[in-house]
């Protein structure tokens, strides 16, 4: 909101910026111009066109500065709106693309994904922070669209893996042996908002999801 106080502050800041850049602001020029008129020879008046031209240029600088200030005010308001929008996600269930899955101690994890077309088989490869494959899960014939599979948190030989964040890749297989990539999804209830960085991100358990990546949102009863 731009009020009389902010407008006055903008005007003062504009004058200060002009004086810093040119050594003189609009008021200084007006005083100098009036002094020149008062002291000139009436019989031989001086050409004031250059003075007027310079004054016009300074006025343009001031107007440009004020325009930039107003744009910054609008940007700040937009940022505030984005923040309020992000907070409104708390408590709701969202879906976003994301290759991370959070494994909690003693609890199975649900891996969500999306297929662009039907698949004869679906393979999910789970890797740890070092990039090593710790588990491969498979499903049979699966329709196009969203799907999910439960992971008990064990590795390929049945050992319980430590809690933490793992990565997952989804591959669909056709009858003829060809394969295609699916999209792993992050799906869960938003329990917080991270305001650090250029834009807010939503907190879902141990995962962070940029608000711009959200595909869908729904209330949780």
N, C-alpha and C. Protein backbone atom coordinates (compact mmCIF):
# COMPACT_ATOMS: atom_id res chain seq x y z
N UNK A 1 0.85 -1.20 0.00
CA UNK A 1 0.00 0.00 0.00
C UNK A 1 0.88 1.24 0.00
N UNK A 2 0.62 2.12 -0.94
CA UNK A 2 1.39 3.36 -1.04
C UNK A 2 0.57 4.47 -0.41
N UNK A 3 1.04 5.05 0.70
CA UNK A 3 0.32 6.13 1.36
C UNK A 3 1.13 7.41 1.28
N UNK A 4 0.63 8.48 1.95
CA UNK A 4 1.31 9.77 1.86
C UNK A 4 2.68 9.73 2.49
N UNK A 5 2.85 8.92 3.54
CA UNK A 5 4.15 8.83 4.19
C UNK A 5 5.17 8.19 3.28
N UNK A 6 4.77 7.05 2.64
CA UNK A 6 5.71 6.38 1.75
C UNK A 6 6.01 7.23 0.54
N UNK A 7 5.01 7.98 0.05
CA UNK A 7 5.24 8.85 -1.09
C UNK A 7 6.24 9.93 -0.74
N UNK A 8 6.11 10.50 0.47
CA UNK A 8 7.05 11.52 0.92
C UNK A 8 8.45 10.95 1.04
N UNK A 9 8.55 9.75 1.59
CA UNK A 9 9.86 9.10 1.73
C UNK A 9 10.48 8.84 0.37
N UNK A 10 9.64 8.40 -0.60
CA UNK A 10 10.14 8.15 -1.95
C UNK A 10 10.67 9.43 -2.57
N UNK A 11 9.93 10.54 -2.38
CA UNK A 11 10.35 11.82 -2.95
C UNK A 11 11.68 12.25 -2.36
N UNK A 12 11.83 12.11 -1.04
CA UNK A 12 13.08 12.47 -0.38
C UNK A 12 14.23 11.62 -0.88
N UNK A 13 13.96 10.31 -1.01
CA UNK A 13 14.99 9.39 -1.50
C UNK A 13 15.38 9.72 -2.93
N UNK A 14 14.38 10.09 -3.73
CA UNK A 14 14.66 10.44 -5.12
C UNK A 14 15.56 11.65 -5.20
N UNK A 15 15.25 12.67 -4.39
CA UNK A 15 16.07 13.88 -4.38
C UNK A 15 17.50 13.57 -3.95
N UNK A 16 17.63 12.72 -2.93
CA UNK A 16 18.97 12.35 -2.45
C UNK A 16 19.75 11.60 -3.51
N UNK A 17 19.06 10.69 -4.22
CA UNK A 17 19.74 9.93 -5.27
C UNK A 17 20.19 10.84 -6.41
N UNK A 18 19.34 11.81 -6.76
CA UNK A 18 19.70 12.76 -7.82
C UNK A 18 20.92 13.58 -7.42
N UNK A 19 20.92 14.05 -6.16
CA UNK A 19 22.03 14.90 -5.70
C UNK A 19 23.33 14.12 -5.67
N UNK A 20 23.24 12.84 -5.28
CA UNK A 20 24.44 12.01 -5.23
C UNK A 20 25.00 11.78 -6.63
N UNK A 21 24.09 11.61 -7.60
CA UNK A 21 24.53 11.32 -8.97
C UNK A 21 25.01 12.55 -9.72
N UNK A 22 24.38 13.72 -9.44
CA UNK A 22 24.68 14.91 -10.25
C UNK A 22 25.28 16.05 -9.45
N UNK A 23 25.26 15.94 -8.11
CA UNK A 23 25.74 17.02 -7.27
C UNK A 23 24.70 18.09 -7.05
N UNK A 24 23.51 17.89 -7.59
CA UNK A 24 22.46 18.89 -7.49
C UNK A 24 21.11 18.22 -7.72
N UNK A 25 20.11 18.55 -6.90
CA UNK A 25 18.78 18.01 -7.14
C UNK A 25 17.89 19.09 -7.76
N UNK A 26 16.62 18.75 -7.96
CA UNK A 26 15.72 19.67 -8.65
C UNK A 26 15.55 20.99 -7.90
N UNK A 27 15.45 20.93 -6.58
CA UNK A 27 15.29 22.15 -5.79
C UNK A 27 16.51 23.06 -5.92
N UNK A 28 17.71 22.45 -5.92
CA UNK A 28 18.93 23.25 -6.11
C UNK A 28 18.90 23.97 -7.45
N UNK A 29 18.45 23.26 -8.47
CA UNK A 29 18.40 23.86 -9.80
C UNK A 29 17.41 25.02 -9.85
N UNK A 30 16.26 24.82 -9.20
CA UNK A 30 15.26 25.89 -9.20
C UNK A 30 15.79 27.14 -8.51
N UNK A 31 16.47 26.94 -7.37
CA UNK A 31 17.05 28.09 -6.65
C UNK A 31 18.08 28.80 -7.52
N UNK A 32 18.92 28.02 -8.18
CA UNK A 32 19.95 28.61 -9.04
C UNK A 32 19.32 29.34 -10.22
N UNK A 33 18.25 28.74 -10.75
CA UNK A 33 17.57 29.34 -11.89
C UNK A 33 16.94 30.68 -11.49
N UNK A 34 16.28 30.72 -10.31
CA UNK A 34 15.66 31.97 -9.84
C UNK A 34 16.73 33.02 -9.58
N UNK A 35 17.84 32.62 -8.99
CA UNK A 35 18.94 33.56 -8.73
C UNK A 35 19.47 34.14 -10.03
N UNK A 36 19.57 33.29 -11.03
CA UNK A 36 20.05 33.76 -12.34
C UNK A 36 19.10 34.80 -12.92
N UNK A 37 17.79 34.52 -12.80
CA UNK A 37 16.81 35.47 -13.34
C UNK A 37 16.85 36.80 -12.59
N UNK A 38 17.05 36.73 -11.27
CA UNK A 38 17.06 37.95 -10.46
C UNK A 38 18.27 38.82 -10.74
N UNK A 39 19.36 38.23 -11.13
CA UNK A 39 20.61 38.97 -11.28
C UNK A 39 21.02 39.22 -12.73
N UNK A 40 20.20 38.82 -13.66
CA UNK A 40 20.59 39.04 -15.05
C UNK A 40 20.34 40.49 -15.46
N UNK A 41 20.97 40.90 -16.50
CA UNK A 41 20.83 42.25 -17.05
C UNK A 41 19.52 42.31 -17.81
N UNK A 42 18.56 43.14 -17.38
CA UNK A 42 17.28 43.22 -18.08
C UNK A 42 17.43 43.60 -19.54
N UNK A 43 18.47 44.36 -19.85
CA UNK A 43 18.68 44.80 -21.23
C UNK A 43 19.36 43.72 -22.06
N UNK A 44 19.90 42.71 -21.37
CA UNK A 44 20.60 41.65 -22.10
C UNK A 44 20.32 40.31 -21.40
N UNK A 45 19.08 39.86 -21.46
CA UNK A 45 18.70 38.63 -20.74
C UNK A 45 19.49 37.42 -21.24
N UNK A 46 19.82 36.56 -20.30
CA UNK A 46 20.57 35.36 -20.65
C UNK A 46 19.65 34.30 -21.23
N UNK A 47 20.24 33.40 -22.01
CA UNK A 47 19.48 32.29 -22.61
C UNK A 47 19.27 31.22 -21.54
N UNK A 48 18.02 31.01 -21.19
CA UNK A 48 17.73 30.05 -20.12
C UNK A 48 17.33 28.67 -20.65
N UNK A 49 17.42 28.47 -21.97
CA UNK A 49 16.96 27.19 -22.54
C UNK A 49 17.77 26.00 -22.02
N UNK A 50 19.09 26.21 -21.83
CA UNK A 50 19.93 25.11 -21.33
C UNK A 50 19.54 24.76 -19.90
N UNK A 51 19.28 25.80 -19.11
CA UNK A 51 18.86 25.57 -17.73
C UNK A 51 17.57 24.76 -17.68
N UNK A 52 16.62 25.17 -18.52
CA UNK A 52 15.32 24.48 -18.55
C UNK A 52 15.49 23.03 -19.01
N UNK A 53 16.36 22.81 -19.99
CA UNK A 53 16.61 21.45 -20.49
C UNK A 53 17.19 20.57 -19.39
N UNK A 54 18.15 21.12 -18.63
CA UNK A 54 18.76 20.34 -17.55
C UNK A 54 17.75 20.04 -16.45
N UNK A 55 16.90 21.04 -16.16
CA UNK A 55 15.87 20.83 -15.15
C UNK A 55 14.90 19.73 -15.59
N UNK A 56 14.56 19.72 -16.88
CA UNK A 56 13.67 18.68 -17.41
C UNK A 56 14.30 17.30 -17.28
N UNK A 57 15.61 17.22 -17.53
CA UNK A 57 16.31 15.94 -17.41
C UNK A 57 16.30 15.45 -15.97
N UNK A 58 16.54 16.37 -15.03
CA UNK A 58 16.52 15.98 -13.62
C UNK A 58 15.13 15.52 -13.19
N UNK A 59 14.11 16.18 -13.72
CA UNK A 59 12.74 15.78 -13.40
C UNK A 59 12.47 14.37 -13.90
N UNK A 60 12.99 14.05 -15.09
CA UNK A 60 12.82 12.70 -15.64
C UNK A 60 13.52 11.66 -14.76
N UNK A 61 14.70 12.01 -14.26
CA UNK A 61 15.42 11.10 -13.37
C UNK A 61 14.61 10.84 -12.10
N UNK A 62 14.04 11.93 -11.55
CA UNK A 62 13.25 11.80 -10.33
C UNK A 62 12.02 10.93 -10.58
N UNK A 63 11.37 11.14 -11.72
CA UNK A 63 10.18 10.35 -12.04
C UNK A 63 10.54 8.87 -12.22
N UNK A 64 11.68 8.61 -12.87
CA UNK A 64 12.12 7.22 -13.06
C UNK A 64 12.42 6.57 -11.72
N UNK A 65 13.06 7.32 -10.83
CA UNK A 65 13.38 6.78 -9.50
C UNK A 65 12.09 6.44 -8.75
N UNK A 66 11.12 7.36 -8.80
CA UNK A 66 9.86 7.11 -8.10
C UNK A 66 9.13 5.91 -8.70
N UNK A 67 9.21 5.76 -10.03
CA UNK A 67 8.59 4.61 -10.68
C UNK A 67 9.21 3.32 -10.18
N UNK A 68 10.55 3.29 -10.09
CA UNK A 68 11.23 2.10 -9.58
C UNK A 68 10.83 1.81 -8.14
N UNK A 69 10.69 2.86 -7.33
CA UNK A 69 10.29 2.68 -5.94
C UNK A 69 8.89 2.08 -5.85
N UNK A 70 7.99 2.57 -6.71
CA UNK A 70 6.62 2.05 -6.71
C UNK A 70 6.60 0.59 -7.16
N UNK A 71 7.44 0.26 -8.16
CA UNK A 71 7.52 -1.12 -8.62
C UNK A 71 8.04 -2.03 -7.52
N UNK A 72 9.01 -1.53 -6.74
CA UNK A 72 9.54 -2.31 -5.63
C UNK A 72 8.47 -2.55 -4.57
N UNK A 73 7.64 -1.51 -4.33
CA UNK A 73 6.53 -1.68 -3.39
C UNK A 73 5.57 -2.77 -3.87
N UNK A 74 5.29 -2.77 -5.18
CA UNK A 74 4.40 -3.78 -5.74
C UNK A 74 5.02 -5.17 -5.62
N UNK A 75 6.34 -5.26 -5.85
CA UNK A 75 7.03 -6.54 -5.73
C UNK A 75 6.97 -7.05 -4.30
N UNK A 76 7.16 -6.15 -3.34
CA UNK A 76 7.09 -6.55 -1.93
C UNK A 76 5.70 -7.07 -1.58
N UNK A 77 4.68 -6.41 -2.11
CA UNK A 77 3.31 -6.86 -1.86
C UNK A 77 3.08 -8.23 -2.47
N UNK A 78 3.64 -8.45 -3.68
CA UNK A 78 3.51 -9.75 -4.33
C UNK A 78 4.19 -10.84 -3.52
N UNK A 79 5.37 -10.51 -2.96
CA UNK A 79 6.08 -11.48 -2.13
C UNK A 79 5.28 -11.82 -0.88
N UNK A 80 4.62 -10.81 -0.29
CA UNK A 80 3.78 -11.06 0.87
C UNK A 80 2.62 -11.98 0.52
N UNK A 81 2.05 -11.77 -0.67
CA UNK A 81 0.95 -12.61 -1.13
C UNK A 81 1.41 -14.05 -1.31
N UNK A 82 2.62 -14.23 -1.88
CA UNK A 82 3.18 -15.57 -2.06
C UNK A 82 3.38 -16.26 -0.72
N UNK A 83 3.86 -15.51 0.26
CA UNK A 83 4.08 -16.07 1.60
C UNK A 83 2.76 -16.53 2.21
N UNK A 84 1.72 -15.69 2.11
CA UNK A 84 0.42 -16.07 2.65
C UNK A 84 -0.13 -17.28 1.93
N UNK A 85 0.09 -17.34 0.61
CA UNK A 85 -0.36 -18.49 -0.17
C UNK A 85 0.32 -19.76 0.29
N UNK A 86 1.64 -19.67 0.55
CA UNK A 86 2.39 -20.85 1.00
C UNK A 86 1.87 -21.34 2.34
N UNK A 87 1.62 -20.43 3.26
CA UNK A 87 1.13 -20.81 4.60
C UNK A 87 -0.22 -21.50 4.51
N UNK A 88 -1.02 -21.14 3.52
CA UNK A 88 -2.36 -21.74 3.38
C UNK A 88 -2.29 -23.22 3.02
N UNK A 89 -1.11 -23.71 2.59
CA UNK A 89 -0.97 -25.13 2.25
C UNK A 89 -0.84 -26.01 3.50
N UNK A 90 -0.48 -25.43 4.63
CA UNK A 90 -0.25 -26.22 5.84
C UNK A 90 -1.52 -27.00 6.22
N UNK A 91 -1.33 -28.30 6.45
CA UNK A 91 -2.46 -29.16 6.81
C UNK A 91 -3.13 -29.81 5.62
N UNK A 92 -2.75 -29.43 4.41
CA UNK A 92 -3.35 -30.00 3.21
C UNK A 92 -2.42 -31.05 2.59
N UNK A 93 -2.99 -31.92 1.79
CA UNK A 93 -2.21 -32.95 1.10
C UNK A 93 -1.86 -32.46 -0.30
N UNK A 94 -0.60 -32.53 -0.66
CA UNK A 94 -0.16 -32.06 -1.96
C UNK A 94 0.56 -33.18 -2.71
N UNK A 95 0.61 -33.01 -4.02
CA UNK A 95 1.35 -33.93 -4.89
C UNK A 95 2.29 -33.10 -5.74
N UNK A 96 3.54 -33.54 -5.83
CA UNK A 96 4.55 -32.82 -6.62
C UNK A 96 5.55 -33.83 -7.17
N UNK A 97 6.16 -33.54 -8.32
CA UNK A 97 7.21 -34.43 -8.81
C UNK A 97 8.41 -34.36 -7.88
N UNK A 98 9.02 -35.51 -7.63
CA UNK A 98 10.17 -35.53 -6.74
C UNK A 98 10.70 -36.95 -6.60
N UNK A 99 12.01 -37.09 -6.72
CA UNK A 99 12.63 -38.42 -6.70
C UNK A 99 13.02 -38.87 -5.30
N UNK A 100 12.65 -38.12 -4.27
CA UNK A 100 13.05 -38.47 -2.91
C UNK A 100 11.93 -39.22 -2.18
N UNK A 101 12.34 -40.15 -1.36
CA UNK A 101 11.40 -40.85 -0.48
C UNK A 101 12.01 -40.84 0.92
N UNK A 102 11.19 -40.52 1.90
CA UNK A 102 11.66 -40.43 3.28
C UNK A 102 11.33 -41.72 4.02
N UNK A 103 12.35 -42.37 4.55
CA UNK A 103 12.17 -43.60 5.32
C UNK A 103 12.30 -43.29 6.80
N UNK A 104 11.27 -43.63 7.56
CA UNK A 104 11.28 -43.41 9.00
C UNK A 104 11.49 -44.74 9.72
N UNK A 105 12.17 -44.68 10.84
CA UNK A 105 12.50 -45.89 11.59
C UNK A 105 11.23 -46.66 11.99
N UNK A 106 11.23 -47.95 11.65
CA UNK A 106 10.12 -48.80 12.06
C UNK A 106 8.85 -48.62 11.27
N UNK A 107 8.89 -47.83 10.20
CA UNK A 107 7.68 -47.59 9.43
C UNK A 107 7.95 -47.81 7.94
N UNK A 108 7.05 -48.49 7.23
CA UNK A 108 7.23 -48.64 5.79
C UNK A 108 7.00 -47.31 5.09
N UNK A 109 7.57 -47.16 3.92
CA UNK A 109 7.39 -45.94 3.13
C UNK A 109 6.54 -46.26 1.90
N UNK A 110 5.74 -45.31 1.50
CA UNK A 110 4.94 -45.47 0.29
C UNK A 110 5.57 -44.64 -0.81
N UNK A 111 5.88 -45.31 -1.92
CA UNK A 111 6.49 -44.62 -3.07
C UNK A 111 5.40 -44.37 -4.10
N UNK A 112 5.20 -43.13 -4.45
CA UNK A 112 4.19 -42.74 -5.43
C UNK A 112 4.85 -42.41 -6.76
N UNK A 113 4.13 -42.65 -7.83
CA UNK A 113 4.69 -42.39 -9.17
C UNK A 113 3.57 -42.13 -10.17
N UNK A 114 3.96 -41.69 -11.35
CA UNK A 114 3.01 -41.44 -12.44
C UNK A 114 3.56 -42.02 -13.73
N UNK A 115 2.72 -42.77 -14.45
CA UNK A 115 3.11 -43.36 -15.73
C UNK A 115 2.42 -42.63 -16.87
N UNK A 116 3.17 -42.29 -17.94
CA UNK A 116 2.55 -41.62 -19.08
C UNK A 116 1.68 -42.57 -19.92
N UNK A 117 1.90 -43.87 -19.79
CA UNK A 117 1.11 -44.87 -20.51
C UNK A 117 1.11 -46.17 -19.72
N UNK A 118 0.23 -47.09 -20.10
CA UNK A 118 0.15 -48.36 -19.39
C UNK A 118 1.45 -49.14 -19.55
N UNK A 119 1.77 -49.95 -18.55
CA UNK A 119 3.01 -50.72 -18.58
C UNK A 119 2.73 -52.17 -18.22
N UNK A 120 3.47 -53.06 -18.85
CA UNK A 120 3.37 -54.48 -18.52
C UNK A 120 4.02 -54.75 -17.16
N UNK A 121 5.11 -54.04 -16.90
CA UNK A 121 5.78 -54.12 -15.60
C UNK A 121 6.24 -52.72 -15.19
N UNK A 122 6.36 -52.53 -13.89
CA UNK A 122 6.91 -51.28 -13.36
C UNK A 122 8.05 -51.64 -12.42
N UNK A 123 9.20 -51.00 -12.64
CA UNK A 123 10.38 -51.24 -11.80
C UNK A 123 10.75 -49.96 -11.07
N UNK A 124 10.93 -50.06 -9.77
CA UNK A 124 11.35 -48.91 -8.97
C UNK A 124 12.71 -49.22 -8.36
N UNK A 125 13.70 -48.42 -8.73
CA UNK A 125 15.06 -48.61 -8.21
C UNK A 125 15.32 -47.58 -7.12
N UNK A 126 15.65 -48.06 -5.93
CA UNK A 126 15.89 -47.18 -4.79
C UNK A 126 17.39 -47.11 -4.53
N UNK A 127 17.91 -45.90 -4.43
CA UNK A 127 19.34 -45.69 -4.20
C UNK A 127 19.56 -44.87 -2.94
N UNK A 128 20.75 -45.05 -2.35
CA UNK A 128 21.08 -44.28 -1.15
C UNK A 128 21.83 -43.01 -1.53
N UNK A 129 22.33 -42.29 -0.54
CA UNK A 129 22.99 -41.00 -0.79
C UNK A 129 24.24 -41.14 -1.65
N UNK A 130 24.87 -42.31 -1.63
CA UNK A 130 26.09 -42.52 -2.43
C UNK A 130 25.77 -42.91 -3.87
N UNK A 131 24.49 -43.16 -4.16
CA UNK A 131 24.10 -43.56 -5.50
C UNK A 131 24.01 -45.05 -5.70
N UNK A 132 24.31 -45.83 -4.66
CA UNK A 132 24.25 -47.28 -4.75
C UNK A 132 22.80 -47.76 -4.67
N UNK A 133 22.45 -48.72 -5.52
CA UNK A 133 21.10 -49.28 -5.49
C UNK A 133 20.96 -50.20 -4.28
N UNK A 134 19.99 -49.90 -3.43
CA UNK A 134 19.79 -50.70 -2.21
C UNK A 134 18.58 -51.61 -2.30
N UNK A 135 17.68 -51.30 -3.23
CA UNK A 135 16.47 -52.12 -3.34
C UNK A 135 15.83 -51.89 -4.71
N UNK A 136 15.30 -52.98 -5.28
CA UNK A 136 14.55 -52.88 -6.52
C UNK A 136 13.18 -53.50 -6.30
N UNK A 137 12.14 -52.73 -6.55
CA UNK A 137 10.77 -53.19 -6.39
C UNK A 137 10.12 -53.32 -7.76
N UNK A 138 9.25 -54.31 -7.92
CA UNK A 138 8.58 -54.50 -9.21
C UNK A 138 7.08 -54.67 -9.00
N UNK A 139 6.33 -54.24 -10.00
CA UNK A 139 4.89 -54.45 -10.03
C UNK A 139 4.53 -55.01 -11.39
N UNK A 140 3.40 -55.68 -11.45
CA UNK A 140 2.92 -56.23 -12.72
C UNK A 140 2.22 -55.17 -13.55
N UNK A 141 1.32 -55.63 -14.39
CA UNK A 141 0.62 -54.73 -15.32
C UNK A 141 -0.02 -53.57 -14.55
N UNK A 142 0.26 -52.37 -15.05
CA UNK A 142 -0.19 -51.15 -14.36
C UNK A 142 -0.75 -50.16 -15.38
N UNK A 143 -1.88 -49.57 -15.07
CA UNK A 143 -2.50 -48.60 -15.97
C UNK A 143 -1.75 -47.28 -15.96
N UNK A 144 -1.99 -46.49 -17.00
CA UNK A 144 -1.40 -45.15 -17.05
C UNK A 144 -1.98 -44.30 -15.92
N UNK A 145 -1.19 -43.33 -15.48
CA UNK A 145 -1.65 -42.46 -14.40
C UNK A 145 -0.87 -42.67 -13.13
N UNK A 146 -1.49 -42.36 -12.01
CA UNK A 146 -0.80 -42.43 -10.72
C UNK A 146 -0.90 -43.82 -10.11
N UNK A 147 0.20 -44.24 -9.50
CA UNK A 147 0.26 -45.51 -8.81
C UNK A 147 1.14 -45.40 -7.58
N UNK A 148 1.18 -46.45 -6.80
CA UNK A 148 2.02 -46.44 -5.60
C UNK A 148 2.42 -47.86 -5.24
N UNK A 149 3.48 -47.97 -4.45
CA UNK A 149 3.94 -49.26 -3.97
C UNK A 149 4.56 -49.05 -2.59
N UNK A 150 4.34 -50.00 -1.71
CA UNK A 150 4.88 -49.90 -0.35
C UNK A 150 6.29 -50.50 -0.31
N UNK A 151 7.15 -49.84 0.43
CA UNK A 151 8.52 -50.33 0.65
C UNK A 151 8.70 -50.52 2.15
N UNK A 152 9.11 -51.72 2.53
CA UNK A 152 9.24 -52.03 3.96
C UNK A 152 10.51 -51.48 4.59
N UNK A 153 11.35 -50.83 3.80
CA UNK A 153 12.56 -50.22 4.35
C UNK A 153 13.75 -51.16 4.40
N UNK A 154 13.62 -52.34 3.80
CA UNK A 154 14.75 -53.28 3.79
C UNK A 154 15.51 -53.17 2.48
N UNK A 155 16.77 -53.65 2.51
CA UNK A 155 17.58 -53.66 1.29
C UNK A 155 17.33 -54.95 0.51
N UNK A 156 18.16 -55.21 -0.50
CA UNK A 156 17.94 -56.34 -1.39
C UNK A 156 18.11 -57.70 -0.73
N UNK A 157 18.75 -57.75 0.46
CA UNK A 157 18.90 -59.03 1.16
C UNK A 157 18.13 -59.04 2.48
N UNK A 158 17.20 -58.12 2.61
CA UNK A 158 16.30 -58.15 3.75
C UNK A 158 16.75 -57.42 4.99
N UNK A 159 17.86 -56.71 4.94
CA UNK A 159 18.33 -55.97 6.11
C UNK A 159 17.59 -54.63 6.22
N UNK A 160 17.25 -54.28 7.43
CA UNK A 160 16.57 -53.00 7.64
C UNK A 160 17.55 -51.85 7.41
N UNK A 161 17.17 -50.92 6.58
CA UNK A 161 18.02 -49.77 6.28
C UNK A 161 17.77 -48.65 7.28
N UNK A 162 18.77 -47.80 7.50
CA UNK A 162 18.59 -46.69 8.45
C UNK A 162 17.59 -45.66 7.92
N UNK A 163 16.96 -44.97 8.85
CA UNK A 163 16.04 -43.90 8.46
C UNK A 163 16.81 -42.82 7.71
N UNK A 164 16.12 -42.16 6.81
CA UNK A 164 16.76 -41.10 6.03
C UNK A 164 16.06 -40.90 4.71
N UNK A 165 16.68 -40.12 3.86
CA UNK A 165 16.11 -39.82 2.54
C UNK A 165 16.81 -40.65 1.48
N UNK A 166 16.02 -41.31 0.66
CA UNK A 166 16.53 -42.13 -0.43
C UNK A 166 15.97 -41.59 -1.75
N UNK A 167 16.59 -41.99 -2.85
CA UNK A 167 16.14 -41.57 -4.17
C UNK A 167 15.51 -42.75 -4.89
N UNK A 168 14.58 -42.45 -5.78
CA UNK A 168 13.90 -43.52 -6.50
C UNK A 168 13.76 -43.15 -7.97
N UNK A 169 13.92 -44.15 -8.84
CA UNK A 169 13.72 -43.99 -10.28
C UNK A 169 12.65 -44.99 -10.71
N UNK A 170 11.76 -44.57 -11.60
CA UNK A 170 10.63 -45.40 -12.03
C UNK A 170 10.76 -45.70 -13.51
N UNK A 171 10.64 -46.99 -13.86
CA UNK A 171 10.74 -47.40 -15.25
C UNK A 171 9.58 -48.32 -15.60
N UNK A 172 8.90 -48.01 -16.70
CA UNK A 172 7.83 -48.87 -17.19
C UNK A 172 8.35 -49.77 -18.29
N UNK A 173 7.87 -51.01 -18.32
CA UNK A 173 8.30 -51.96 -19.35
C UNK A 173 7.13 -52.42 -20.19
N UNK A 174 7.35 -52.52 -21.50
CA UNK A 174 6.33 -52.98 -22.42
C UNK A 174 6.52 -54.46 -22.76
N UNK A 175 5.51 -55.04 -23.37
CA UNK A 175 5.56 -56.45 -23.74
C UNK A 175 6.71 -56.73 -24.69
N UNK A 176 7.01 -55.80 -25.59
CA UNK A 176 8.07 -56.01 -26.58
C UNK A 176 9.46 -55.76 -26.02
N UNK A 177 9.56 -55.49 -24.74
CA UNK A 177 10.87 -55.30 -24.13
C UNK A 177 11.34 -53.86 -24.05
N UNK A 178 10.62 -52.95 -24.68
CA UNK A 178 11.01 -51.54 -24.60
C UNK A 178 10.61 -50.97 -23.24
N UNK A 179 11.29 -49.91 -22.87
CA UNK A 179 11.02 -49.30 -21.56
C UNK A 179 10.79 -47.79 -21.71
N UNK A 180 10.22 -47.21 -20.70
CA UNK A 180 10.02 -45.76 -20.68
C UNK A 180 10.09 -45.29 -19.23
N UNK A 181 10.37 -44.02 -19.07
CA UNK A 181 10.53 -43.46 -17.73
C UNK A 181 9.19 -43.01 -17.15
N UNK A 182 8.99 -43.32 -15.89
CA UNK A 182 7.86 -42.78 -15.16
C UNK A 182 8.34 -41.61 -14.30
N UNK A 183 7.41 -40.95 -13.66
CA UNK A 183 7.76 -39.80 -12.81
C UNK A 183 7.51 -40.13 -11.35
N UNK A 184 8.56 -40.17 -10.53
CA UNK A 184 8.33 -40.37 -9.10
C UNK A 184 7.65 -39.13 -8.51
N UNK A 185 6.77 -39.35 -7.55
CA UNK A 185 6.02 -38.25 -6.96
C UNK A 185 6.24 -38.19 -5.45
N UNK A 186 6.17 -36.98 -4.94
CA UNK A 186 6.11 -36.77 -3.49
C UNK A 186 4.67 -36.45 -3.15
N UNK A 187 4.11 -37.23 -2.26
CA UNK A 187 2.71 -37.04 -1.87
C UNK A 187 2.61 -37.09 -0.36
N UNK A 188 2.02 -36.08 0.23
CA UNK A 188 1.90 -36.10 1.67
C UNK A 188 1.30 -34.82 2.22
N UNK A 189 1.13 -34.81 3.53
CA UNK A 189 0.53 -33.67 4.22
C UNK A 189 1.59 -32.62 4.52
N UNK A 190 1.29 -31.38 4.20
CA UNK A 190 2.21 -30.26 4.45
C UNK A 190 2.16 -29.91 5.94
N UNK A 191 3.34 -29.95 6.59
CA UNK A 191 3.37 -29.63 8.01
C UNK A 191 4.21 -28.39 8.32
N UNK A 192 4.65 -27.69 7.28
CA UNK A 192 5.40 -26.46 7.53
C UNK A 192 5.77 -25.76 6.24
N UNK A 193 6.29 -24.56 6.38
CA UNK A 193 6.73 -23.75 5.24
C UNK A 193 8.13 -23.24 5.52
N UNK A 194 9.03 -23.41 4.57
CA UNK A 194 10.40 -22.90 4.69
C UNK A 194 10.48 -21.60 3.91
N UNK A 195 10.77 -20.48 4.60
CA UNK A 195 10.79 -19.18 3.96
C UNK A 195 12.18 -18.79 3.47
N UNK A 196 13.17 -19.64 3.65
CA UNK A 196 14.51 -19.32 3.17
C UNK A 196 14.56 -19.49 1.66
N UNK A 197 15.49 -18.79 1.02
CA UNK A 197 15.64 -18.89 -0.42
C UNK A 197 14.79 -17.88 -1.15
N UNK A 198 14.84 -17.95 -2.49
CA UNK A 198 14.15 -16.97 -3.33
C UNK A 198 12.63 -17.12 -3.25
N UNK A 199 12.13 -18.33 -3.02
CA UNK A 199 10.69 -18.54 -2.92
C UNK A 199 10.42 -19.59 -1.85
N UNK A 200 9.22 -19.57 -1.28
CA UNK A 200 8.92 -20.52 -0.20
C UNK A 200 8.89 -21.96 -0.69
N UNK A 201 9.21 -22.88 0.19
CA UNK A 201 9.06 -24.31 -0.10
C UNK A 201 8.25 -24.94 1.02
N UNK A 202 7.54 -26.00 0.67
CA UNK A 202 6.68 -26.68 1.63
C UNK A 202 7.42 -27.85 2.26
N UNK A 203 7.19 -28.05 3.55
CA UNK A 203 7.83 -29.15 4.28
C UNK A 203 6.84 -30.30 4.42
N UNK A 204 7.25 -31.47 3.91
CA UNK A 204 6.46 -32.69 4.02
C UNK A 204 7.34 -33.72 4.71
N UNK A 205 7.19 -33.85 6.00
CA UNK A 205 8.08 -34.72 6.75
C UNK A 205 9.50 -34.19 6.68
N UNK A 206 10.41 -35.02 6.14
CA UNK A 206 11.81 -34.61 6.01
C UNK A 206 12.11 -34.01 4.64
N UNK A 207 11.10 -33.88 3.80
CA UNK A 207 11.30 -33.42 2.43
C UNK A 207 10.87 -31.97 2.25
N UNK A 208 11.54 -31.30 1.31
CA UNK A 208 11.20 -29.92 0.95
C UNK A 208 10.72 -29.90 -0.51
N UNK A 209 9.59 -29.24 -0.74
CA UNK A 209 9.02 -29.17 -2.09
C UNK A 209 8.80 -27.71 -2.46
N UNK A 210 9.45 -27.22 -3.54
CA UNK A 210 9.20 -25.84 -3.98
C UNK A 210 7.72 -25.65 -4.29
N UNK A 211 7.18 -24.54 -3.85
CA UNK A 211 5.75 -24.31 -4.03
C UNK A 211 5.37 -24.28 -5.51
N UNK A 212 6.31 -23.88 -6.37
CA UNK A 212 6.03 -23.81 -7.81
C UNK A 212 5.88 -25.20 -8.43
N UNK A 213 6.33 -26.26 -7.73
CA UNK A 213 6.28 -27.61 -8.28
C UNK A 213 4.99 -28.36 -7.95
N UNK A 214 4.13 -27.76 -7.15
CA UNK A 214 2.92 -28.46 -6.71
C UNK A 214 2.01 -28.76 -7.91
N UNK A 215 1.61 -30.04 -8.03
CA UNK A 215 0.72 -30.46 -9.11
C UNK A 215 -0.74 -30.42 -8.69
N UNK A 216 -1.00 -30.78 -7.44
CA UNK A 216 -2.38 -30.77 -6.95
C UNK A 216 -2.38 -30.62 -5.43
N UNK A 217 -3.50 -30.17 -4.90
CA UNK A 217 -3.63 -29.98 -3.46
C UNK A 217 -5.08 -30.28 -3.06
N UNK A 218 -5.24 -30.92 -1.92
CA UNK A 218 -6.60 -31.16 -1.43
C UNK A 218 -6.61 -31.12 0.09
N UNK A 219 -7.76 -30.80 0.63
CA UNK A 219 -7.89 -30.75 2.07
C UNK A 219 -7.86 -32.13 2.69
N UNK A 220 -7.43 -32.20 3.92
CA UNK A 220 -7.38 -33.47 4.65
C UNK A 220 -8.43 -33.44 5.74
N UNK A 221 -9.32 -34.41 5.73
CA UNK A 221 -10.40 -34.47 6.73
C UNK A 221 -9.88 -35.13 8.00
